[in-house]
Amino acid sequence: MVPRFPGLADTIDGLVPLTDWGHVFRYPDLGSEPVPSSEELRGVLNDIQLFAERVTRLIDPDLPHT
C-alpha cells in the first residue's frame, strides 16, 4: 500500500505496535509483551485518527479538514 500511497507511510509506521499488541492479546501463552502504557495507547489512537483522516481525504479530497 505504501508505494501506491506514499503519503500514508508515516502513519502506517505509527500503527505497527498494534500488530504486536494484537498478537499477544490473542495468544497470551506465546508472548510476554508488556501491557502498553496510557501514553503509548494515546499515541496510537492519535495515529489511528491521522491515518483515518488521510485515507478519507484520499477517498474524497473535497472533504473539509478537521
PDB file of N, CA and C in Angstrom:
ATOM      1  N   MET A   1       0.818  -1.181   0.000  1.00  0.00           N
ATOM      2  CA  MET A   1       0.000   0.000   0.000  1.00  0.00           C
ATOM      3  C   MET A   1       0.868   1.253   0.000  1.00  0.00           C
ATOM      4  N   VAL A   2       1.979   1.243   0.686  1.00  0.00           N
ATOM      5  CA  VAL A   2       2.809   2.435   0.798  1.00  0.00           C
ATOM      6  C   VAL A   2       3.350   2.894  -0.560  1.00  0.00           C
ATOM      7  N   PRO A   3       3.856   1.996  -1.443  1.00  0.00           N
ATOM      8  CA  PRO A   3       4.333   2.501  -2.731  1.00  0.00           C
ATOM      9  C   PRO A   3       3.237   3.212  -3.528  1.00  0.00           C
ATOM     10  N   ARG A   4       2.024   2.763  -3.377  1.00  0.00           N
ATOM     11  CA  ARG A   4       0.922   3.375  -4.107  1.00  0.00           C
ATOM     12  C   ARG A   4       0.441   4.659  -3.450  1.00  0.00           C
ATOM     13  N   PHE A   5       0.555   4.750  -2.142  1.00  0.00           N
ATOM     14  CA  PHE A   5       0.107   5.912  -1.380  1.00  0.00           C
ATOM     15  C   PHE A   5       1.221   6.363  -0.432  1.00  0.00           C
ATOM     16  N   PRO A   6       2.283   6.957  -0.956  1.00  0.00           N
ATOM     17  CA  PRO A   6       3.427   7.315  -0.101  1.00  0.00           C
ATOM     18  C   PRO A   6       3.077   8.293   1.019  1.00  0.00           C
ATOM     19  N   GLY A   7       2.005   9.046   0.871  1.00  0.00           N
ATOM     20  CA  GLY A   7       1.601   9.974   1.913  1.00  0.00           C
ATOM     21  C   GLY A   7       1.098   9.292   3.177  1.00  0.00           C
ATOM     22  N   LEU A   8       0.891   7.977   3.108  1.00  0.00           N
ATOM     23  CA  LEU A   8       0.421   7.237   4.275  1.00  0.00           C
ATOM     24  C   LEU A   8       1.555   6.541   5.026  1.00  0.00           C
ATOM     25  N   ALA A   9       2.758   6.557   4.481  1.00  0.00           N
ATOM     26  CA  ALA A   9       3.872   5.782   5.048  1.00  0.00           C
ATOM     27  C   ALA A   9       4.121   6.104   6.517  1.00  0.00           C
ATOM     28  N   ASP A  10       4.191   7.374   6.862  1.00  0.00           N
ATOM     29  CA  ASP A  10       4.500   7.712   8.257  1.00  0.00           C
ATOM     30  C   ASP A  10       3.372   7.319   9.199  1.00  0.00           C
ATOM     31  N   THR A  11       2.124   7.382   8.745  1.00  0.00           N
ATOM     32  CA  THR A  11       1.032   6.989   9.630  1.00  0.00           C
ATOM     33  C   THR A  11       0.949   5.472   9.769  1.00  0.00           C
ATOM     34  N   ILE A  12       1.298   4.752   8.724  1.00  0.00           N
ATOM     35  CA  ILE A  12       1.325   3.290   8.821  1.00  0.00           C
ATOM     36  C   ILE A  12       2.396   2.853   9.807  1.00  0.00           C
ATOM     37  N   ASP A  13       3.544   3.509   9.770  1.00  0.00           N
ATOM     38  CA  ASP A  13       4.616   3.180  10.716  1.00  0.00           C
ATOM     39  C   ASP A  13       4.153   3.344  12.158  1.00  0.00           C
ATOM     40  N   GLY A  14       3.312   4.338  12.417  1.00  0.00           N
ATOM     41  CA  GLY A  14       2.809   4.559  13.771  1.00  0.00           C
ATOM     42  C   GLY A  14       1.844   3.491  14.247  1.00  0.00           C
ATOM     43  N   LEU A  15       1.324   2.690  13.311  1.00  0.00           N
ATOM     44  CA  LEU A  15       0.354   1.660  13.678  1.00  0.00           C
ATOM     45  C   LEU A  15       0.994   0.288  13.883  1.00  0.00           C
ATOM     46  N   VAL A  16       2.281   0.171  13.652  1.00  0.00           N
ATOM     47  CA  VAL A  16       2.981  -1.112  13.790  1.00  0.00           C
ATOM     48  C   VAL A  16       2.788  -1.748  15.173  1.00  0.00           C
ATOM     49  N   PRO A  17       2.799  -0.982  16.279  1.00  0.00           N
ATOM     50  CA  PRO A  17       2.611  -1.627  17.587  1.00  0.00           C
ATOM     51  C   PRO A  17       1.306  -2.406  17.708  1.00  0.00           C
ATOM     52  N   LEU A  18       0.304  -2.033  16.931  1.00  0.00           N
ATOM     53  CA  LEU A  18      -0.976  -2.744  17.016  1.00  0.00           C
ATOM     54  C   LEU A  18      -0.828  -4.212  16.653  1.00  0.00           C
ATOM     55  N   THR A  19       0.078  -4.522  15.747  1.00  0.00           N
ATOM     56  CA  THR A  19       0.294  -5.916  15.360  1.00  0.00           C
ATOM     57  C   THR A  19       0.796  -6.726  16.543  1.00  0.00           C
ATOM     58  N   ASP A  20       1.816  -6.218  17.221  1.00  0.00           N
ATOM     59  CA  ASP A  20       2.369  -6.933  18.380  1.00  0.00           C
ATOM     60  C   ASP A  20       1.351  -7.034  19.504  1.00  0.00           C
ATOM     61  N   TRP A  21       0.679  -5.942  19.797  1.00  0.00           N
ATOM     62  CA  TRP A  21      -0.284  -5.949  20.891  1.00  0.00           C
ATOM     63  C   TRP A  21      -1.425  -6.901  20.592  1.00  0.00           C
ATOM     64  N   GLY A  22      -1.904  -6.899  19.361  1.00  0.00           N
ATOM     65  CA  GLY A  22      -2.999  -7.787  18.986  1.00  0.00           C
ATOM     66  C   GLY A  22      -2.596  -9.247  19.063  1.00  0.00           C
ATOM     67  N   HIS A  23      -1.381  -9.542  18.636  1.00  0.00           N
ATOM     68  CA  HIS A  23      -0.894 -10.925  18.673  1.00  0.00           C
ATOM     69  C   HIS A  23      -0.804 -11.420  20.109  1.00  0.00           C
ATOM     70  N   VAL A  24      -0.223 -10.627  20.972  1.00  0.00           N
ATOM     71  CA  VAL A  24      -0.074 -11.025  22.376  1.00  0.00           C
ATOM     72  C   VAL A  24      -1.435 -11.117  23.064  1.00  0.00           C
ATOM     73  N   PHE A  25      -2.356 -10.231  22.694  1.00  0.00           N
ATOM     74  CA  PHE A  25      -3.689 -10.279  23.292  1.00  0.00           C
ATOM     75  C   PHE A  25      -4.408 -11.575  22.911  1.00  0.00           C
ATOM     76  N   ARG A  26      -4.304 -11.963  21.619  1.00  0.00           N
ATOM     77  CA  ARG A  26      -4.987 -13.174  21.153  1.00  0.00           C
ATOM     78  C   ARG A  26      -4.312 -14.449  21.628  1.00  0.00           C
ATOM     79  N   TYR A  27      -2.979 -14.412  21.732  1.00  0.00           N
ATOM     80  CA  TYR A  27      -2.219 -15.616  22.078  1.00  0.00           C
ATOM     81  C   TYR A  27      -1.294 -15.326  23.261  1.00  0.00           C
ATOM     82  N   PRO A  28      -1.844 -15.113  24.445  1.00  0.00           N
ATOM     83  CA  PRO A  28      -1.019 -14.706  25.588  1.00  0.00           C
ATOM     84  C   PRO A  28       0.040 -15.739  25.976  1.00  0.00           C
ATOM     85  N   ASP A  29      -0.160 -16.996  25.659  1.00  0.00           N
ATOM     86  CA  ASP A  29       0.828 -18.019  26.011  1.00  0.00           C
ATOM     87  C   ASP A  29       2.075 -17.970  25.130  1.00  0.00           C
ATOM     88  N   LEU A  30       1.994 -17.284  24.001  1.00  0.00           N
ATOM     89  CA  LEU A  30       3.113 -17.258  23.057  1.00  0.00           C
ATOM     90  C   LEU A  30       4.034 -16.055  23.225  1.00  0.00           C
ATOM     91  N   GLY A  31       3.647 -15.100  24.004  1.00  0.00           N
ATOM     92  CA  GLY A  31       4.484 -13.911  24.147  1.00  0.00           C
ATOM     93  C   GLY A  31       4.289 -13.253  25.483  1.00  0.00           C
ATOM     94  N   SER A  32       5.186 -12.367  25.781  1.00  0.00           N
ATOM     95  CA  SER A  32       5.078 -11.670  27.055  1.00  0.00           C
ATOM     96  C   SER A  32       5.341 -10.178  26.867  1.00  0.00           C
ATOM     97  N   GLU A  33       4.781  -9.627  25.804  1.00  0.00           N
ATOM     98  CA  GLU A  33       4.919  -8.188  25.593  1.00  0.00           C
ATOM     99  C   GLU A  33       4.310  -7.457  26.787  1.00  0.00           C
ATOM    100  N   PRO A  34       4.948  -6.406  27.233  1.00  0.00           N
ATOM    101  CA  PRO A  34       4.362  -5.648  28.336  1.00  0.00           C
ATOM    102  C   PRO A  34       3.068  -4.955  27.888  1.00  0.00           C
ATOM    103  N   VAL A  35       2.200  -4.726  28.840  1.00  0.00           N
ATOM    104  CA  VAL A  35       0.964  -4.004  28.558  1.00  0.00           C
ATOM    105  C   VAL A  35       1.348  -2.585  28.165  1.00  0.00           C
ATOM    106  N   PRO A  36       0.758  -2.066  27.056  1.00  0.00           N
ATOM    107  CA  PRO A  36       1.107  -0.700  26.645  1.00  0.00           C
ATOM    108  C   PRO A  36       0.676   0.311  27.705  1.00  0.00           C
ATOM    109  N   SER A  37       1.479   1.344  27.832  1.00  0.00           N
ATOM    110  CA  SER A  37       1.164   2.406  28.791  1.00  0.00           C
ATOM    111  C   SER A  37       0.049   3.283  28.242  1.00  0.00           C
ATOM    112  N   SER A  38      -0.522   4.092  29.111  1.00  0.00           N
ATOM    113  CA  SER A  38      -1.555   5.039  28.686  1.00  0.00           C
ATOM    114  C   SER A  38      -1.011   5.978  27.623  1.00  0.00           C
ATOM    115  N   GLU A  39       0.225   6.393  27.787  1.00  0.00           N
ATOM    116  CA  GLU A  39       0.856   7.293  26.811  1.00  0.00           C
ATOM    117  C   GLU A  39       0.994   6.613  25.449  1.00  0.00           C
ATOM    118  N   GLU A  40       1.427   5.346  25.441  1.00  0.00           N
ATOM    119  CA  GLU A  40       1.544   4.608  24.181  1.00  0.00           C
ATOM    120  C   GLU A  40       0.183   4.446  23.514  1.00  0.00           C
ATOM    121  N   LEU A  41      -0.829   4.128  24.304  1.00  0.00           N
ATOM    122  CA  LEU A  41      -2.175   3.964  23.754  1.00  0.00           C
ATOM    123  C   LEU A  41      -2.702   5.274  23.181  1.00  0.00           C
ATOM    124  N   ARG A  42      -2.475   6.391  23.873  1.00  0.00           N
ATOM    125  CA  ARG A  42      -2.898   7.697  23.357  1.00  0.00           C
ATOM    126  C   ARG A  42      -2.197   8.006  22.043  1.00  0.00           C
ATOM    127  N   GLY A  43      -0.907   7.686  21.972  1.00  0.00           N
ATOM    128  CA  GLY A  43      -0.153   7.923  20.748  1.00  0.00           C
ATOM    129  C   GLY A  43      -0.688   7.120  19.580  1.00  0.00           C
ATOM    130  N   VAL A  44      -0.992   5.854  19.826  1.00  0.00           N
ATOM    131  CA  VAL A  44      -1.530   5.012  18.759  1.00  0.00           C
ATOM    132  C   VAL A  44      -2.932   5.477  18.364  1.00  0.00           C
ATOM    133  N   LEU A  45      -3.743   5.886  19.331  1.00  0.00           N
ATOM    134  CA  LEU A  45      -5.067   6.406  18.991  1.00  0.00           C
ATOM    135  C   LEU A  45      -4.962   7.649  18.113  1.00  0.00           C
ATOM    136  N   ASN A  46      -4.012   8.513  18.410  1.00  0.00           N
ATOM    137  CA  ASN A  46      -3.780   9.686  17.566  1.00  0.00           C
ATOM    138  C   ASN A  46      -3.344   9.265  16.174  1.00  0.00           C
ATOM    139  N   ASP A  47      -2.466   8.253  16.093  1.00  0.00           N
ATOM    140  CA  ASP A  47      -2.015   7.751  14.794  1.00  0.00           C
ATOM    141  C   ASP A  47      -3.162   7.141  14.002  1.00  0.00           C
ATOM    142  N   ILE A  48      -4.063   6.431  14.680  1.00  0.00           N
ATOM    143  CA  ILE A  48      -5.236   5.860  14.008  1.00  0.00           C
ATOM    144  C   ILE A  48      -6.104   6.980  13.440  1.00  0.00           C
ATOM    145  N   GLN A  49      -6.322   8.012  14.227  1.00  0.00           N
ATOM    146  CA  GLN A  49      -7.143   9.136  13.770  1.00  0.00           C
ATOM    147  C   GLN A  49      -6.492   9.819  12.572  1.00  0.00           C
ATOM    148  N   LEU A  50      -5.200  10.050  12.619  1.00  0.00           N
ATOM    149  CA  LEU A  50      -4.487  10.679  11.500  1.00  0.00           C
ATOM    150  C   LEU A  50      -4.580   9.809  10.253  1.00  0.00           C
ATOM    151  N   PHE A  51      -4.382   8.502  10.417  1.00  0.00           N
ATOM    152  CA  PHE A  51      -4.476   7.577   9.295  1.00  0.00           C
ATOM    153  C   PHE A  51      -5.880   7.624   8.683  1.00  0.00           C
ATOM    154  N   ALA A  52      -6.897   7.577   9.527  1.00  0.00           N
ATOM    155  CA  ALA A  52      -8.281   7.614   9.043  1.00  0.00           C
ATOM    156  C   ALA A  52      -8.569   8.910   8.286  1.00  0.00           C
ATOM    157  N   GLU A  53      -8.075  10.028   8.797  1.00  0.00           N
ATOM    158  CA  GLU A  53      -8.276  11.312   8.122  1.00  0.00           C
ATOM    159  C   GLU A  53      -7.600  11.332   6.752  1.00  0.00           C
ATOM    160  N   ARG A  54      -6.374  10.814   6.692  1.00  0.00           N
ATOM    161  CA  ARG A  54      -5.655  10.808   5.411  1.00  0.00           C
ATOM    162  C   ARG A  54      -6.312   9.876   4.401  1.00  0.00           C
ATOM    163  N   VAL A  55      -6.763   8.714   4.845  1.00  0.00           N
ATOM    164  CA  VAL A  55      -7.438   7.785   3.933  1.00  0.00           C
ATOM    165  C   VAL A  55      -8.758   8.391   3.463  1.00  0.00           C
ATOM    166  N   THR A  56      -9.477   9.029   4.365  1.00  0.00           N
ATOM    167  CA  THR A  56     -10.737   9.670   3.997  1.00  0.00           C
ATOM    168  C   THR A  56     -10.501  10.735   2.933  1.00  0.00           C
ATOM    169  N   ARG A  57      -9.431  11.512   3.073  1.00  0.00           N
ATOM    170  CA  ARG A  57      -9.125  12.537   2.076  1.00  0.00           C
ATOM    171  C   ARG A  57      -8.706  11.926   0.740  1.00  0.00           C
ATOM    172  N   LEU A  58      -8.083  10.739   0.778  1.00  0.00           N
ATOM    173  CA  LEU A  58      -7.762  10.060  -0.483  1.00  0.00           C
ATOM    174  C   LEU A  58      -9.051   9.637  -1.190  1.00  0.00           C
ATOM    175  N   ILE A  59     -10.022   9.205  -0.420  1.00  0.00           N
ATOM    176  CA  ILE A  59     -11.291   8.761  -0.985  1.00  0.00           C
ATOM    177  C   ILE A  59     -12.095   9.960  -1.493  1.00  0.00           C
ATOM    178  N   ASP A  60     -12.122  11.022  -0.699  1.00  0.00           N
ATOM    179  CA  ASP A  60     -12.888  12.216  -1.067  1.00  0.00           C
ATOM    180  C   ASP A  60     -12.070  13.457  -0.715  1.00  0.00           C
ATOM    181  N   PRO A  61     -11.241  13.941  -1.655  1.00  0.00           N
ATOM    182  CA  PRO A  61     -10.369  15.077  -1.365  1.00  0.00           C
ATOM    183  C   PRO A  61     -11.111  16.379  -1.073  1.00  0.00           C
ATOM    184  N   ASP A  62     -12.396  16.437  -1.383  1.00  0.00           N
ATOM    185  CA  ASP A  62     -13.156  17.666  -1.149  1.00  0.00           C
ATOM    186  C   ASP A  62     -13.700  17.785   0.261  1.00  0.00           C
ATOM    187  N   LEU A  63     -13.525  16.757   1.079  1.00  0.00           N
ATOM    188  CA  LEU A  63     -13.985  16.830   2.462  1.00  0.00           C
ATOM    189  C   LEU A  63     -13.197  17.890   3.217  1.00  0.00           C
ATOM    190  N   PRO A  64     -13.850  18.605   4.123  1.00  0.00           N
ATOM    191  CA  PRO A  64     -13.107  19.609   4.909  1.00  0.00           C
ATOM    192  C   PRO A  64     -12.107  18.955   5.851  1.00  0.00           C
ATOM    193  N   HIS A  65     -11.020  19.635   6.101  1.00  0.00           N
ATOM    194  CA  HIS A  65     -10.007  19.161   7.059  1.00  0.00           C
ATOM    195  C   HIS A  65     -10.516  19.351   8.468  1.00  0.00           C
ATOM    196  N   THR A  66     -10.168  18.404   9.356  1.00  0.00           N
ATOM    197  CA  THR A  66     -10.575  18.540  10.758  1.00  0.00           C
ATOM    198  C   THR A  66      -9.446  19.037  11.602  1.00  0.00           C
TER     199      THR A  66
END
